[in-house]
Amino acid sequence: MTDLYPTGDDDRTAPGRGTGVTDERELARRTAAAHTAASRDVEAFLRRLPEVPSPGDVAEFGALVAREELLRAERQEATDAAGLPIPSVGRP
């Protein structure tokens, strides 16, 4: 991390910033962690996937990917709110 992005409670006392900045960054960190966990779940599933997937495997994979995508979108919204918008990522 660089000095450009202070961490922790320091954000609350920065000029022109209220506690909302710290809250937004904490939410961004939490949603990023949740997305990472969902990505790991997809990876774990793919590691144990049999050579010939069953219909249940296909359904489970669909559910895992849907969860990962939902959390990716939530992470994107949280990082946008925290002042880290990336307009070209995942958007038309």
N, C-alpha and C. Protein backbone atom coordinates (compact mmCIF):
# COMPACT_ATOMS: atom_id res chain seq x y z
N MET A 1 0.85 -1.17 0.00
CA MET A 1 0.00 0.00 0.00
C MET A 1 0.89 1.23 0.00
N THR A 2 0.45 2.27 -0.67
CA THR A 2 1.25 3.49 -0.73
C THR A 2 0.75 4.51 0.27
N ASP A 3 1.52 5.56 0.44
CA ASP A 3 1.11 6.65 1.34
C ASP A 3 -0.06 7.44 0.78
N LEU A 4 -0.38 7.24 -0.49
CA LEU A 4 -1.50 7.96 -1.09
C LEU A 4 -2.83 7.55 -0.50
N TYR A 5 -2.89 6.34 0.04
CA TYR A 5 -4.13 5.81 0.59
C TYR A 5 -3.92 5.44 2.05
N PRO A 6 -4.12 6.39 2.96
CA PRO A 6 -3.92 6.08 4.38
C PRO A 6 -4.87 4.98 4.83
N THR A 7 -4.47 4.27 5.86
CA THR A 7 -5.30 3.17 6.35
C THR A 7 -5.88 3.49 7.71
N GLY A 8 -6.88 2.72 8.09
CA GLY A 8 -7.43 2.76 9.43
C GLY A 8 -8.07 4.05 9.84
N ASP A 9 -7.94 4.37 11.13
CA ASP A 9 -8.63 5.51 11.73
C ASP A 9 -8.10 6.85 11.25
N ASP A 10 -6.96 6.89 10.61
CA ASP A 10 -6.41 8.15 10.13
C ASP A 10 -7.36 8.85 9.17
N ASP A 11 -8.16 8.08 8.45
CA ASP A 11 -9.10 8.66 7.49
C ASP A 11 -10.13 9.55 8.16
N ARG A 12 -10.48 9.25 9.38
CA ARG A 12 -11.51 10.03 10.06
C ARG A 12 -11.07 11.44 10.36
N THR A 13 -9.78 11.64 10.51
CA THR A 13 -9.29 12.96 10.88
C THR A 13 -8.71 13.72 9.69
N ALA A 14 -8.71 13.13 8.53
CA ALA A 14 -8.19 13.83 7.36
C ALA A 14 -9.06 15.03 7.04
N PRO A 15 -8.45 16.13 6.63
CA PRO A 15 -9.24 17.34 6.33
C PRO A 15 -10.31 17.06 5.29
N GLY A 16 -11.51 17.50 5.58
CA GLY A 16 -12.62 17.37 4.63
C GLY A 16 -13.22 15.98 4.57
N ARG A 17 -12.81 15.09 5.46
CA ARG A 17 -13.34 13.73 5.43
C ARG A 17 -13.97 13.39 6.76
N GLY A 18 -15.14 12.76 6.68
CA GLY A 18 -15.81 12.32 7.90
C GLY A 18 -15.62 10.85 8.10
N THR A 19 -16.34 10.28 9.01
CA THR A 19 -16.20 8.86 9.29
C THR A 19 -16.72 8.00 8.15
N GLY A 20 -17.49 8.60 7.24
CA GLY A 20 -18.02 7.84 6.11
C GLY A 20 -16.94 7.25 5.23
N VAL A 21 -15.81 7.95 5.10
CA VAL A 21 -14.72 7.44 4.26
C VAL A 21 -14.18 6.14 4.84
N THR A 22 -13.96 6.12 6.12
CA THR A 22 -13.46 4.91 6.77
C THR A 22 -14.48 3.79 6.63
N ASP A 23 -15.75 4.08 6.83
CA ASP A 23 -16.80 3.08 6.70
C ASP A 23 -16.86 2.53 5.28
N GLU A 24 -16.73 3.42 4.28
CA GLU A 24 -16.78 2.99 2.89
C GLU A 24 -15.59 2.10 2.56
N ARG A 25 -14.43 2.43 3.07
CA ARG A 25 -13.25 1.60 2.81
C ARG A 25 -13.36 0.25 3.51
N GLU A 26 -13.91 0.24 4.71
CA GLU A 26 -14.09 -1.03 5.42
C GLU A 26 -15.08 -1.91 4.66
N LEU A 27 -16.15 -1.32 4.16
CA LEU A 27 -17.11 -2.08 3.36
C LEU A 27 -16.44 -2.62 2.10
N ALA A 28 -15.61 -1.80 1.47
CA ALA A 28 -14.88 -2.25 0.27
C ALA A 28 -13.97 -3.42 0.61
N ARG A 29 -13.27 -3.35 1.73
CA ARG A 29 -12.40 -4.46 2.15
C ARG A 29 -13.21 -5.72 2.42
N ARG A 30 -14.35 -5.57 3.07
CA ARG A 30 -15.18 -6.75 3.38
C ARG A 30 -15.76 -7.38 2.12
N THR A 31 -16.22 -6.56 1.20
CA THR A 31 -16.79 -7.12 -0.03
C THR A 31 -15.69 -7.76 -0.89
N ALA A 32 -14.50 -7.20 -0.87
CA ALA A 32 -13.37 -7.81 -1.59
C ALA A 32 -13.04 -9.17 -0.98
N ALA A 33 -13.04 -9.25 0.33
CA ALA A 33 -12.77 -10.53 1.00
C ALA A 33 -13.84 -11.57 0.67
N ALA A 34 -15.10 -11.14 0.65
CA ALA A 34 -16.19 -12.05 0.32
C ALA A 34 -16.07 -12.55 -1.13
N HIS A 35 -15.70 -11.65 -2.04
CA HIS A 35 -15.52 -12.04 -3.43
C HIS A 35 -14.36 -13.01 -3.58
N THR A 36 -13.28 -12.76 -2.85
CA THR A 36 -12.13 -13.66 -2.88
C THR A 36 -12.54 -15.05 -2.40
N ALA A 37 -13.31 -15.11 -1.32
CA ALA A 37 -13.77 -16.40 -0.80
C ALA A 37 -14.64 -17.12 -1.84
N ALA A 38 -15.50 -16.38 -2.52
CA ALA A 38 -16.35 -16.99 -3.54
C ALA A 38 -15.51 -17.51 -4.70
N SER A 39 -14.48 -16.78 -5.09
CA SER A 39 -13.58 -17.24 -6.15
C SER A 39 -12.84 -18.50 -5.73
N ARG A 40 -12.45 -18.56 -4.48
CA ARG A 40 -11.78 -19.76 -3.97
C ARG A 40 -12.73 -20.95 -3.97
N ASP A 41 -13.99 -20.71 -3.69
CA ASP A 41 -14.98 -21.79 -3.72
C ASP A 41 -15.11 -22.36 -5.13
N VAL A 42 -15.08 -21.48 -6.14
CA VAL A 42 -15.15 -21.93 -7.53
C VAL A 42 -13.90 -22.76 -7.85
N GLU A 43 -12.75 -22.26 -7.44
CA GLU A 43 -11.50 -22.99 -7.68
C GLU A 43 -11.52 -24.37 -7.01
N ALA A 44 -11.96 -24.42 -5.77
CA ALA A 44 -12.02 -25.70 -5.05
C ALA A 44 -12.96 -26.67 -5.75
N PHE A 45 -14.08 -26.16 -6.22
CA PHE A 45 -15.03 -27.00 -6.95
C PHE A 45 -14.37 -27.58 -8.20
N LEU A 46 -13.68 -26.73 -8.96
CA LEU A 46 -13.05 -27.18 -10.20
C LEU A 46 -11.93 -28.19 -9.93
N ARG A 47 -11.28 -28.08 -8.80
CA ARG A 47 -10.23 -29.04 -8.45
C ARG A 47 -10.80 -30.43 -8.17
N ARG A 48 -11.99 -30.50 -7.60
CA ARG A 48 -12.56 -31.80 -7.25
C ARG A 48 -13.57 -32.30 -8.30
N LEU A 49 -13.79 -31.55 -9.35
CA LEU A 49 -14.75 -31.91 -10.39
C LEU A 49 -14.32 -33.21 -11.08
N PRO A 50 -15.22 -34.16 -11.19
CA PRO A 50 -14.86 -35.40 -11.89
C PRO A 50 -14.69 -35.15 -13.39
N GLU A 51 -14.07 -36.10 -14.06
CA GLU A 51 -13.81 -35.94 -15.49
C GLU A 51 -15.11 -35.74 -16.27
N VAL A 52 -16.16 -36.45 -15.86
CA VAL A 52 -17.47 -36.30 -16.49
C VAL A 52 -18.42 -35.70 -15.45
N PRO A 53 -18.71 -34.40 -15.59
CA PRO A 53 -19.60 -33.75 -14.61
C PRO A 53 -21.02 -34.28 -14.69
N SER A 54 -21.63 -34.42 -13.54
CA SER A 54 -23.03 -34.84 -13.46
C SER A 54 -23.92 -33.60 -13.57
N PRO A 55 -25.22 -33.79 -13.78
CA PRO A 55 -26.12 -32.64 -13.78
C PRO A 55 -26.05 -31.86 -12.46
N GLY A 56 -25.84 -32.57 -11.36
CA GLY A 56 -25.69 -31.89 -10.07
C GLY A 56 -24.44 -31.03 -10.01
N ASP A 57 -23.36 -31.52 -10.64
CA ASP A 57 -22.12 -30.73 -10.71
C ASP A 57 -22.34 -29.45 -11.51
N VAL A 58 -23.06 -29.58 -12.61
CA VAL A 58 -23.33 -28.41 -13.45
C VAL A 58 -24.17 -27.39 -12.68
N ALA A 59 -25.16 -27.88 -11.95
CA ALA A 59 -26.01 -26.99 -11.16
C ALA A 59 -25.21 -26.32 -10.05
N GLU A 60 -24.36 -27.09 -9.38
CA GLU A 60 -23.53 -26.51 -8.31
C GLU A 60 -22.58 -25.46 -8.87
N PHE A 61 -21.99 -25.75 -10.02
CA PHE A 61 -21.08 -24.79 -10.65
C PHE A 61 -21.83 -23.50 -10.99
N GLY A 62 -23.02 -23.63 -11.52
CA GLY A 62 -23.83 -22.45 -11.85
C GLY A 62 -24.11 -21.60 -10.62
N ALA A 63 -24.44 -22.26 -9.52
CA ALA A 63 -24.71 -21.53 -8.27
C ALA A 63 -23.46 -20.83 -7.76
N LEU A 64 -22.32 -21.52 -7.83
CA LEU A 64 -21.07 -20.92 -7.36
C LEU A 64 -20.67 -19.71 -8.20
N VAL A 65 -20.81 -19.83 -9.50
CA VAL A 65 -20.45 -18.72 -10.39
C VAL A 65 -21.42 -17.55 -10.20
N ALA A 66 -22.70 -17.85 -10.02
CA ALA A 66 -23.67 -16.77 -9.78
C ALA A 66 -23.34 -16.02 -8.49
N ARG A 67 -22.97 -16.75 -7.45
CA ARG A 67 -22.58 -16.12 -6.18
C ARG A 67 -21.33 -15.27 -6.36
N GLU A 68 -20.36 -15.80 -7.08
CA GLU A 68 -19.12 -15.05 -7.33
C GLU A 68 -19.42 -13.75 -8.09
N GLU A 69 -20.27 -13.84 -9.10
CA GLU A 69 -20.61 -12.66 -9.89
C GLU A 69 -21.36 -11.63 -9.07
N LEU A 70 -22.29 -12.07 -8.23
CA LEU A 70 -23.02 -11.16 -7.36
C LEU A 70 -22.05 -10.43 -6.43
N LEU A 71 -21.13 -11.17 -5.84
CA LEU A 71 -20.17 -10.55 -4.92
C LEU A 71 -19.18 -9.66 -5.66
N ARG A 72 -18.86 -10.00 -6.91
CA ARG A 72 -18.00 -9.12 -7.71
C ARG A 72 -18.68 -7.79 -7.94
N ALA A 73 -19.97 -7.83 -8.26
CA ALA A 73 -20.73 -6.60 -8.47
C ALA A 73 -20.82 -5.78 -7.19
N GLU A 74 -21.03 -6.46 -6.06
CA GLU A 74 -21.08 -5.75 -4.78
C GLU A 74 -19.73 -5.12 -4.46
N ARG A 75 -18.66 -5.84 -4.75
CA ARG A 75 -17.32 -5.29 -4.54
C ARG A 75 -17.10 -4.05 -5.41
N GLN A 76 -17.54 -4.12 -6.65
CA GLN A 76 -17.39 -2.98 -7.56
C GLN A 76 -18.15 -1.76 -7.03
N GLU A 77 -19.37 -1.98 -6.57
CA GLU A 77 -20.15 -0.87 -6.01
C GLU A 77 -19.48 -0.29 -4.77
N ALA A 78 -18.94 -1.15 -3.93
CA ALA A 78 -18.29 -0.69 -2.70
C ALA A 78 -17.01 0.08 -3.00
N THR A 79 -16.24 -0.39 -3.97
CA THR A 79 -15.01 0.34 -4.30
C THR A 79 -15.33 1.64 -5.02
N ASP A 80 -16.39 1.67 -5.80
CA ASP A 80 -16.83 2.93 -6.40
C ASP A 80 -17.16 3.94 -5.30
N ALA A 81 -17.92 3.50 -4.30
CA ALA A 81 -18.32 4.38 -3.20
C ALA A 81 -17.12 4.82 -2.37
N ALA A 82 -16.07 4.00 -2.35
CA ALA A 82 -14.87 4.33 -1.58
C ALA A 82 -13.91 5.22 -2.37
N GLY A 83 -14.33 5.64 -3.56
CA GLY A 83 -13.51 6.54 -4.36
C GLY A 83 -12.56 5.85 -5.31
N LEU A 84 -12.84 4.59 -5.65
CA LEU A 84 -11.98 3.83 -6.56
C LEU A 84 -12.77 3.30 -7.76
N PRO A 85 -13.41 4.20 -8.50
CA PRO A 85 -14.19 3.73 -9.66
C PRO A 85 -13.28 3.32 -10.81
N ILE A 86 -13.65 2.25 -11.49
CA ILE A 86 -12.95 1.83 -12.71
C ILE A 86 -14.05 1.60 -13.75
N PRO A 87 -14.42 2.64 -14.49
CA PRO A 87 -15.57 2.58 -15.39
C PRO A 87 -15.49 1.48 -16.46
N SER A 88 -14.30 1.10 -16.90
CA SER A 88 -14.22 0.15 -17.99
C SER A 88 -14.29 -1.31 -17.54
N VAL A 89 -14.24 -1.58 -16.26
CA VAL A 89 -14.23 -2.96 -15.78
C VAL A 89 -15.65 -3.46 -15.58
N GLY A 90 -16.03 -4.46 -16.34
CA GLY A 90 -17.33 -5.11 -16.18
C GLY A 90 -18.53 -4.25 -16.50
N ARG A 91 -18.31 -3.21 -17.27
CA ARG A 91 -19.43 -2.32 -17.62
C ARG A 91 -19.44 -2.04 -19.10
N PRO A 92 -20.64 -1.97 -19.68
CA PRO A 92 -20.72 -1.69 -21.13
C PRO A 92 -20.29 -0.29 -21.47
